[in-house]
Amino acid sequence: MTVDLKGRIALVTGASRGIGYYTALELAKAGAHVIACARTVGGLEELDDAIKAVGGSATLVPFDLADMNAIDALGASINERWGKLDILVANAGILGVISPIGHIEAKVFEKVMTINVTATWRLIRSLEPLLVKSDQGRALILSSAAAHKCRPFWGVYSASKAAVEALARTWAGETQRLPLRIVSIDPGPTRTAMRAQAMPGEDPSTVPHPSEVAARLLPLCGPELTETGKLFVVRDEKLKDYRLPE
């Protein structure tokens, strides 16, 4: 499917590597101007070079998602420069630790919740006024199967992703009469640094490359998306609509 995003403004968090990097690149290939956000300046610069190589354009915004004032300022800056935002890909997140719940340090638990949940809420609060100015606003909120499986020792990450999905579904319900479409994404097993941290003994060649996942997410950023409040799951080279209970 060809997706035409010419004239669209797209913001991607966690854009310096993994799914965020390749999603930003796919958006640029489709014609969107990409606002690329991440902590790692070097990774953002590599992305910028890759985007320029395919004839695209990007604005690099290096900052830490734990900086809530920076998230608020981001919305103000986008409003001043473009007056709207068409696409949000809230991709950035951290794993924390694989550990029994009672053994997780408070500072680790709080950091996972800050980056995965609070920052996502803050992005929604900062960027919603810009997304509703778009005639086809789209928000993709990255989740995980961990939100539903709740496997032993994955407590903090599972809880954070369940919270993120709850935010996305609630936000979708609040905006369902607007052109804004909001979906959660479970990318499935993907060859990322986070996956390597969680599965240190796994052969990375046995799971899909993030570029494959990014290519399947691109259609959800275009006008063909009509669903809102749904969870889409990347499985077996397909993007499936997993209908959550009402």
C-alpha atoms as a PDB file:
ATOM      1  CA  MET A   1       0.000   0.000   0.000  1.00  0.00           C
ATOM      2  CA  THR A   2       1.313   3.431  -0.976  1.00  0.00           C
ATOM      3  CA  VAL A   3       0.896   6.046   1.746  1.00  0.00           C
ATOM      4  CA  ASP A   4       1.162   9.714   0.743  1.00  0.00           C
ATOM      5  CA  LEU A   5       2.057  11.945   3.688  1.00  0.00           C
ATOM      6  CA  LYS A   6       3.278  14.991   1.787  1.00  0.00           C
ATOM      7  CA  GLY A   7       2.686  18.158   3.792  1.00  0.00           C
ATOM      8  CA  ARG A   8       2.173  16.211   7.008  1.00  0.00           C
ATOM      9  CA  ILE A   9       4.052  16.869  10.253  1.00  0.00           C
ATOM     10  CA  ALA A  10       4.925  13.749  12.245  1.00  0.00           C
ATOM     11  CA  LEU A  11       6.518  13.469  15.675  1.00  0.00           C
ATOM     12  CA  VAL A  12       8.295  10.282  16.764  1.00  0.00           C
ATOM     13  CA  THR A  13       9.709   9.667  20.239  1.00  0.00           C
ATOM     14  CA  GLY A  14      12.565   7.245  20.769  1.00  0.00           C
ATOM     15  CA  ALA A  15      13.649   8.022  17.207  1.00  0.00           C
ATOM     16  CA  SER A  16      17.374   7.425  17.635  1.00  0.00           C
ATOM     17  CA  ARG A  17      17.162   3.629  17.272  1.00  0.00           C
ATOM     18  CA  GLY A  18      14.939   0.600  16.850  1.00  0.00           C
ATOM     19  CA  ILE A  19      11.285   0.886  15.888  1.00  0.00           C
ATOM     20  CA  GLY A  20      11.293   4.662  16.394  1.00  0.00           C
ATOM     21  CA  TYR A  21      14.254   5.152  14.040  1.00  0.00           C
ATOM     22  CA  TYR A  22      12.780   3.106  11.229  1.00  0.00           C
ATOM     23  CA  THR A  23       9.251   4.455  11.677  1.00  0.00           C
ATOM     24  CA  ALA A  24      10.640   7.981  11.390  1.00  0.00           C
ATOM     25  CA  LEU A  25      12.464   6.940   8.219  1.00  0.00           C
ATOM     26  CA  GLU A  26       9.306   5.386   6.735  1.00  0.00           C
ATOM     27  CA  LEU A  27       7.325   8.539   7.515  1.00  0.00           C
ATOM     28  CA  ALA A  28       9.972  10.663   5.796  1.00  0.00           C
ATOM     29  CA  LYS A  29       9.968   8.378   2.742  1.00  0.00           C
ATOM     30  CA  ALA A  30       6.201   8.887   2.529  1.00  0.00           C
ATOM     31  CA  GLY A  31       6.701  12.659   2.445  1.00  0.00           C
ATOM     32  CA  ALA A  32       6.124  13.726   6.056  1.00  0.00           C
ATOM     33  CA  HIS A  33       8.388  16.199   7.807  1.00  0.00           C
ATOM     34  CA  VAL A  34       9.598  14.310  10.863  1.00  0.00           C
ATOM     35  CA  ILE A  35      10.136  15.803  14.307  1.00  0.00           C
ATOM     36  CA  ALA A  36      12.554  13.252  15.733  1.00  0.00           C
ATOM     37  CA  CYS A  37      12.867  13.101  19.518  1.00  0.00           C
ATOM     38  CA  ALA A  38      15.337  11.076  21.589  1.00  0.00           C
ATOM     39  CA  ARG A  39      18.043  11.439  24.213  1.00  0.00           C
ATOM     40  CA  THR A  40      20.899  10.280  21.969  1.00  0.00           C
ATOM     41  CA  VAL A  41      22.156  13.076  19.738  1.00  0.00           C
ATOM     42  CA  GLY A  42      24.397  10.774  17.699  1.00  0.00           C
ATOM     43  CA  GLY A  43      21.488   8.474  16.848  1.00  0.00           C
ATOM     44  CA  LEU A  44      19.326  11.420  15.826  1.00  0.00           C
ATOM     45  CA  GLU A  45      22.093  12.733  13.574  1.00  0.00           C
ATOM     46  CA  GLU A  46      22.399   9.325  11.908  1.00  0.00           C
ATOM     47  CA  LEU A  47      18.633   9.345  11.365  1.00  0.00           C
ATOM     48  CA  ASP A  48      18.827  12.834   9.882  1.00  0.00           C
ATOM     49  CA  ASP A  49      21.462  11.650   7.396  1.00  0.00           C
ATOM     50  CA  ALA A  50      19.307   8.654   6.451  1.00  0.00           C
ATOM     51  CA  ILE A  51      16.235  10.862   5.978  1.00  0.00           C
ATOM     52  CA  LYS A  52      18.154  13.307   3.799  1.00  0.00           C
ATOM     53  CA  ALA A  53      19.447  10.378   1.741  1.00  0.00           C
ATOM     54  CA  VAL A  54      15.876   9.456   0.785  1.00  0.00           C
ATOM     55  CA  GLY A  55      14.969  13.061   0.007  1.00  0.00           C
ATOM     56  CA  GLY A  56      13.127  13.740   3.242  1.00  0.00           C
ATOM     57  CA  SER A  57      13.404  16.362   5.965  1.00  0.00           C
ATOM     58  CA  ALA A  58      13.539  16.288   9.745  1.00  0.00           C
ATOM     59  CA  THR A  59      13.796  18.480  12.807  1.00  0.00           C
ATOM     60  CA  LEU A  60      15.895  16.965  15.589  1.00  0.00           C
ATOM     61  CA  VAL A  61      14.784  17.505  19.183  1.00  0.00           C
ATOM     62  CA  PRO A  62      17.170  15.885  21.681  1.00  0.00           C
ATOM     63  CA  PHE A  63      15.719  15.699  25.188  1.00  0.00           C
ATOM     64  CA  ASP A  64      14.914  13.256  27.979  1.00  0.00           C
ATOM     65  CA  LEU A  65      11.251  12.261  28.332  1.00  0.00           C
ATOM     66  CA  ALA A  66      11.683  12.492  32.088  1.00  0.00           C
ATOM     67  CA  ASP A  67      11.855  16.280  31.570  1.00  0.00           C
ATOM     68  CA  MET A  68       8.173  17.169  31.721  1.00  0.00           C
ATOM     69  CA  ASN A  69       8.808  20.864  31.154  1.00  0.00           C
ATOM     70  CA  ALA A  70      10.573  19.971  27.902  1.00  0.00           C
ATOM     71  CA  ILE A  71       7.504  18.024  26.762  1.00  0.00           C
ATOM     72  CA  ASP A  72       5.306  21.046  27.459  1.00  0.00           C
ATOM     73  CA  ALA A  73       7.745  23.300  25.600  1.00  0.00           C
ATOM     74  CA  LEU A  74       7.727  20.893  22.657  1.00  0.00           C
ATOM     75  CA  GLY A  75       4.035  21.439  22.077  1.00  0.00           C
ATOM     76  CA  ALA A  76       4.449  25.199  22.277  1.00  0.00           C
ATOM     77  CA  SER A  77       7.335  25.135  19.792  1.00  0.00           C
ATOM     78  CA  ILE A  78       5.425  23.021  17.286  1.00  0.00           C
ATOM     79  CA  ASN A  79       2.441  25.335  17.554  1.00  0.00           C
ATOM     80  CA  GLU A  80       4.614  28.373  16.937  1.00  0.00           C
ATOM     81  CA  ARG A  81       6.353  26.877  13.902  1.00  0.00           C
ATOM     82  CA  TRP A  82       3.675  24.755  12.202  1.00  0.00           C
ATOM     83  CA  GLY A  83       0.419  25.459  14.038  1.00  0.00           C
ATOM     84  CA  LYS A  84      -0.593  21.793  13.988  1.00  0.00           C
ATOM     85  CA  LEU A  85       0.616  18.205  14.272  1.00  0.00           C
ATOM     86  CA  ASP A  86      -0.683  15.449  11.999  1.00  0.00           C
ATOM     87  CA  ILE A  87       0.958  12.315  13.395  1.00  0.00           C
ATOM     88  CA  LEU A  88       2.231  11.256  16.812  1.00  0.00           C
ATOM     89  CA  VAL A  89       4.161   8.020  17.256  1.00  0.00           C
ATOM     90  CA  ALA A  90       4.700   7.641  21.019  1.00  0.00           C
ATOM     91  CA  ASN A  91       7.333   4.933  20.798  1.00  0.00           C
ATOM     92  CA  ALA A  92       9.915   5.624  23.505  1.00  0.00           C
ATOM     93  CA  GLY A  93       9.937   3.349  26.522  1.00  0.00           C
ATOM     94  CA  ILE A  94      12.186   1.463  28.901  1.00  0.00           C
ATOM     95  CA  LEU A  95      12.112  -2.084  30.263  1.00  0.00           C
ATOM     96  CA  GLY A  96      13.276  -1.542  33.803  1.00  0.00           C
ATOM     97  CA  VAL A  97      14.237  -4.905  35.297  1.00  0.00           C
ATOM     98  CA  ILE A  98      13.069  -8.508  35.018  1.00  0.00           C
ATOM     99  CA  SER A  99      12.548  -9.204  38.697  1.00  0.00           C
ATOM    100  CA  PRO A 100      10.023 -10.352  41.303  1.00  0.00           C
ATOM    101  CA  ILE A 101       7.722  -7.449  42.138  1.00  0.00           C
ATOM    102  CA  GLY A 102       8.826  -7.345  45.743  1.00  0.00           C
ATOM    103  CA  HIS A 103      12.483  -7.049  44.731  1.00  0.00           C
ATOM    104  CA  ILE A 104      12.119  -4.066  42.412  1.00  0.00           C
ATOM    105  CA  GLU A 105      13.791  -0.953  43.777  1.00  0.00           C
ATOM    106  CA  ALA A 106      11.493   2.032  44.198  1.00  0.00           C
ATOM    107  CA  LYS A 107      13.675   4.231  42.002  1.00  0.00           C
ATOM    108  CA  VAL A 108      13.512   1.668  39.167  1.00  0.00           C
ATOM    109  CA  PHE A 109       9.734   1.326  39.406  1.00  0.00           C
ATOM    110  CA  GLU A 110       9.300   5.093  39.447  1.00  0.00           C
ATOM    111  CA  LYS A 111      11.593   5.595  36.452  1.00  0.00           C
ATOM    112  CA  VAL A 112       9.702   3.045  34.325  1.00  0.00           C
ATOM    113  CA  MET A 113       6.398   4.677  35.223  1.00  0.00           C
ATOM    114  CA  THR A 114       7.789   8.138  34.541  1.00  0.00           C
ATOM    115  CA  ILE A 115       9.108   7.323  31.064  1.00  0.00           C
ATOM    116  CA  ASN A 116       6.455   4.849  29.924  1.00  0.00           C
ATOM    117  CA  VAL A 117       3.309   6.283  31.494  1.00  0.00           C
ATOM    118  CA  THR A 118       3.661   9.815  32.833  1.00  0.00           C
ATOM    119  CA  ALA A 119       5.589  11.035  29.807  1.00  0.00           C
ATOM    120  CA  THR A 120       2.975   9.528  27.491  1.00  0.00           C
ATOM    121  CA  TRP A 121       0.218  11.345  29.367  1.00  0.00           C
ATOM    122  CA  ARG A 122       2.250  14.558  29.236  1.00  0.00           C
ATOM    123  CA  LEU A 123       2.735  14.148  25.475  1.00  0.00           C
ATOM    124  CA  ILE A 124      -1.000  13.676  25.047  1.00  0.00           C
ATOM    125  CA  ARG A 125      -1.703  16.793  27.101  1.00  0.00           C
ATOM    126  CA  SER A 126       0.878  18.857  25.235  1.00  0.00           C
ATOM    127  CA  LEU A 127       0.114  17.666  21.706  1.00  0.00           C
ATOM    128  CA  GLU A 128      -3.645  17.045  21.636  1.00  0.00           C
ATOM    129  CA  PRO A 129      -4.464  20.705  20.818  1.00  0.00           C
ATOM    130  CA  LEU A 130      -2.177  20.418  17.784  1.00  0.00           C
ATOM    131  CA  LEU A 131      -3.444  17.010  16.651  1.00  0.00           C
ATOM    132  CA  VAL A 132      -7.073  18.178  16.663  1.00  0.00           C
ATOM    133  CA  LYS A 133      -6.086  21.016  14.322  1.00  0.00           C
ATOM    134  CA  SER A 134      -5.185  18.425  11.694  1.00  0.00           C
ATOM    135  CA  ASP A 135      -7.870  17.229   9.294  1.00  0.00           C
ATOM    136  CA  GLN A 136      -6.503  13.687   9.702  1.00  0.00           C
ATOM    137  CA  GLY A 137      -4.754  13.547  13.065  1.00  0.00           C
ATOM    138  CA  ARG A 138      -3.240  10.159  13.911  1.00  0.00           C
ATOM    139  CA  ALA A 139      -1.708   8.921  17.179  1.00  0.00           C
ATOM    140  CA  LEU A 140       0.065   5.580  17.501  1.00  0.00           C
ATOM    141  CA  ILE A 141       0.830   4.582  21.078  1.00  0.00           C
ATOM    142  CA  LEU A 142       3.359   1.743  21.342  1.00  0.00           C
ATOM    143  CA  SER A 143       2.357  -0.984  23.784  1.00  0.00           C
ATOM    144  CA  SER A 144       3.386  -4.609  24.247  1.00  0.00           C
ATOM    145  CA  ALA A 145       1.946  -8.085  24.691  1.00  0.00           C
ATOM    146  CA  ALA A 146       3.292  -7.764  28.236  1.00  0.00           C
ATOM    147  CA  ALA A 147       0.278  -5.574  29.014  1.00  0.00           C
ATOM    148  CA  HIS A 148      -1.973  -8.643  28.662  1.00  0.00           C
ATOM    149  CA  LYS A 149       0.255 -11.640  29.416  1.00  0.00           C
ATOM    150  CA  CYS A 150       1.503 -10.322  32.784  1.00  0.00           C
ATOM    151  CA  ARG A 151       4.229 -12.953  32.958  1.00  0.00           C
ATOM    152  CA  PRO A 152       6.050 -13.545  36.242  1.00  0.00           C
ATOM    153  CA  PHE A 153       8.951 -11.124  36.834  1.00  0.00           C
ATOM    154  CA  TRP A 154       7.737  -8.650  34.194  1.00  0.00           C
ATOM    155  CA  GLY A 155       5.532  -6.755  36.653  1.00  0.00           C
ATOM    156  CA  VAL A 156       6.738  -3.190  36.284  1.00  0.00           C
ATOM    157  CA  TYR A 157       6.926  -3.235  32.483  1.00  0.00           C
ATOM    158  CA  SER A 158       3.581  -5.044  32.164  1.00  0.00           C
ATOM    159  CA  ALA A 159       1.903  -2.576  34.493  1.00  0.00           C
ATOM    160  CA  SER A 160       3.322   0.395  32.586  1.00  0.00           C
ATOM    161  CA  LYS A 161       2.113  -0.886  29.221  1.00  0.00           C
ATOM    162  CA  ALA A 162      -1.331  -1.748  30.579  1.00  0.00           C
ATOM    163  CA  ALA A 163      -1.550   1.838  31.838  1.00  0.00           C
ATOM    164  CA  VAL A 164      -0.467   3.213  28.472  1.00  0.00           C
ATOM    165  CA  GLU A 165      -3.172   1.222  26.699  1.00  0.00           C
ATOM    166  CA  ALA A 166      -5.746   2.516  29.182  1.00  0.00           C
ATOM    167  CA  LEU A 167      -4.669   6.075  28.445  1.00  0.00           C
ATOM    168  CA  ALA A 168      -4.915   5.496  24.685  1.00  0.00           C
ATOM    169  CA  ARG A 169      -8.376   3.914  24.858  1.00  0.00           C
ATOM    170  CA  THR A 170      -9.690   6.635  27.152  1.00  0.00           C
ATOM    171  CA  TRP A 171      -8.254   9.366  24.939  1.00  0.00           C
ATOM    172  CA  ALA A 172      -9.815   7.721  21.877  1.00  0.00           C
ATOM    173  CA  GLY A 173     -13.208   7.666  23.573  1.00  0.00           C
ATOM    174  CA  GLU A 174     -12.948  11.335  24.459  1.00  0.00           C
ATOM    175  CA  THR A 175     -12.087  12.321  20.871  1.00  0.00           C
ATOM    176  CA  GLN A 176     -14.125   9.797  18.873  1.00  0.00           C
ATOM    177  CA  ARG A 177     -16.268  12.491  17.245  1.00  0.00           C
ATOM    178  CA  LEU A 178     -13.191  14.288  15.938  1.00  0.00           C
ATOM    179  CA  PRO A 179     -11.063  13.394  12.883  1.00  0.00           C
ATOM    180  CA  LEU A 180      -8.309  12.278  15.289  1.00  0.00           C
ATOM    181  CA  ARG A 181      -7.745   8.495  15.274  1.00  0.00           C
ATOM    182  CA  ILE A 182      -5.845   6.909  18.177  1.00  0.00           C
ATOM    183  CA  VAL A 183      -4.611   3.304  18.275  1.00  0.00           C
ATOM    184  CA  SER A 184      -2.331   1.179  20.430  1.00  0.00           C
ATOM    185  CA  ILE A 185       0.344  -0.959  18.796  1.00  0.00           C
ATOM    186  CA  ASP A 186       1.790  -4.250  19.979  1.00  0.00           C
ATOM    187  CA  PRO A 187       4.810  -4.590  17.652  1.00  0.00           C
ATOM    188  CA  GLY A 188       5.465  -8.190  18.645  1.00  0.00           C
ATOM    189  CA  PRO A 189       8.975  -9.600  19.120  1.00  0.00           C
ATOM    190  CA  THR A 190      11.372  -7.189  17.427  1.00  0.00           C
ATOM    191  CA  ARG A 191      15.154  -7.049  17.102  1.00  0.00           C
ATOM    192  CA  THR A 192      15.772  -4.087  19.416  1.00  0.00           C
ATOM    193  CA  ALA A 193      18.127  -3.213  22.258  1.00  0.00           C
ATOM    194  CA  MET A 194      15.250  -3.618  24.721  1.00  0.00           C
ATOM    195  CA  ARG A 195      14.523  -7.107  23.397  1.00  0.00           C
ATOM    196  CA  ALA A 196      18.207  -8.022  23.787  1.00  0.00           C
ATOM    197  CA  GLN A 197      18.109  -6.774  27.384  1.00  0.00           C
ATOM    198  CA  ALA A 198      15.018  -8.848  28.146  1.00  0.00           C
ATOM    199  CA  MET A 199      16.095 -11.957  26.216  1.00  0.00           C
ATOM    200  CA  PRO A 200      19.910 -12.043  26.447  1.00  0.00           C
ATOM    201  CA  GLY A 201      20.212 -15.637  25.190  1.00  0.00           C
ATOM    202  CA  GLU A 202      18.016 -15.173  22.125  1.00  0.00           C
ATOM    203  CA  ASP A 203      19.410 -15.297  18.588  1.00  0.00           C
ATOM    204  CA  PRO A 204      18.412 -11.848  17.242  1.00  0.00           C
ATOM    205  CA  SER A 205      18.146 -13.178  13.699  1.00  0.00           C
ATOM    206  CA  THR A 206      15.080 -15.193  14.762  1.00  0.00           C
ATOM    207  CA  VAL A 207      12.926 -12.102  15.333  1.00  0.00           C
ATOM    208  CA  PRO A 208      11.863  -9.409  12.827  1.00  0.00           C
ATOM    209  CA  HIS A 209      14.045  -6.370  12.199  1.00  0.00           C
ATOM    210  CA  PRO A 210      12.500  -3.069  13.341  1.00  0.00           C
ATOM    211  CA  SER A 211      12.410  -1.867   9.735  1.00  0.00           C
ATOM    212  CA  GLU A 212       9.891  -4.640   8.985  1.00  0.00           C
ATOM    213  CA  VAL A 213       7.672  -3.540  11.860  1.00  0.00           C
ATOM    214  CA  ALA A 214       7.918   0.125  10.846  1.00  0.00           C
ATOM    215  CA  ALA A 215       6.783  -0.644   7.308  1.00  0.00           C
ATOM    216  CA  ARG A 216       3.626  -2.292   8.681  1.00  0.00           C
ATOM    217  CA  LEU A 217       2.867   0.671  10.944  1.00  0.00           C
ATOM    218  CA  LEU A 218       3.025   3.266   8.173  1.00  0.00           C
ATOM    219  CA  PRO A 219      -0.523   2.664   6.839  1.00  0.00           C
ATOM    220  CA  LEU A 220      -1.914   3.489  10.295  1.00  0.00           C
ATOM    221  CA  CYS A 221      -0.502   7.000   9.897  1.00  0.00           C
ATOM    222  CA  GLY A 222      -2.508   7.689   6.752  1.00  0.00           C
ATOM    223  CA  PRO A 223      -6.104   8.523   5.860  1.00  0.00           C
ATOM    224  CA  GLU A 224      -7.061   4.855   5.432  1.00  0.00           C
ATOM    225  CA  LEU A 225      -7.177   4.401   9.212  1.00  0.00           C
ATOM    226  CA  THR A 226     -10.776   4.739  10.358  1.00  0.00           C
ATOM    227  CA  GLU A 227     -10.646   2.852  13.680  1.00  0.00           C
ATOM    228  CA  THR A 228      -9.952   4.568  16.966  1.00  0.00           C
ATOM    229  CA  GLY A 229      -9.325   3.071  20.397  1.00  0.00           C
ATOM    230  CA  LYS A 230      -8.208  -0.259  18.947  1.00  0.00           C
ATOM    231  CA  LEU A 231      -5.131  -2.388  19.590  1.00  0.00           C
ATOM    232  CA  PHE A 232      -3.261  -3.478  16.480  1.00  0.00           C
ATOM    233  CA  VAL A 233      -0.903  -6.428  16.793  1.00  0.00           C
ATOM    234  CA  VAL A 234       1.985  -7.136  14.409  1.00  0.00           C
ATOM    235  CA  ARG A 235       2.112 -10.911  13.944  1.00  0.00           C
ATOM    236  CA  ASP A 236       3.282 -13.209  11.158  1.00  0.00           C
ATOM    237  CA  GLU A 237       4.046 -10.340   8.760  1.00  0.00           C
ATOM    238  CA  LYS A 238       0.529  -8.961   9.198  1.00  0.00           C
ATOM    239  CA  LEU A 239      -1.088  -6.147  11.125  1.00  0.00           C
ATOM    240  CA  LYS A 240      -4.131  -7.516  12.911  1.00  0.00           C
ATOM    241  CA  ASP A 241      -6.902  -5.570  14.587  1.00  0.00           C
ATOM    242  CA  TYR A 242      -7.277  -7.074  18.052  1.00  0.00           C
ATOM    243  CA  ARG A 243     -10.654  -5.983  19.340  1.00  0.00           C
ATOM    244  CA  LEU A 244     -10.557  -5.259  23.029  1.00  0.00           C
ATOM    245  CA  PRO A 245     -13.670  -5.823  25.153  1.00  0.00           C
ATOM    246  CA  GLU A 246     -16.003  -2.847  25.421  1.00  0.00           C
END
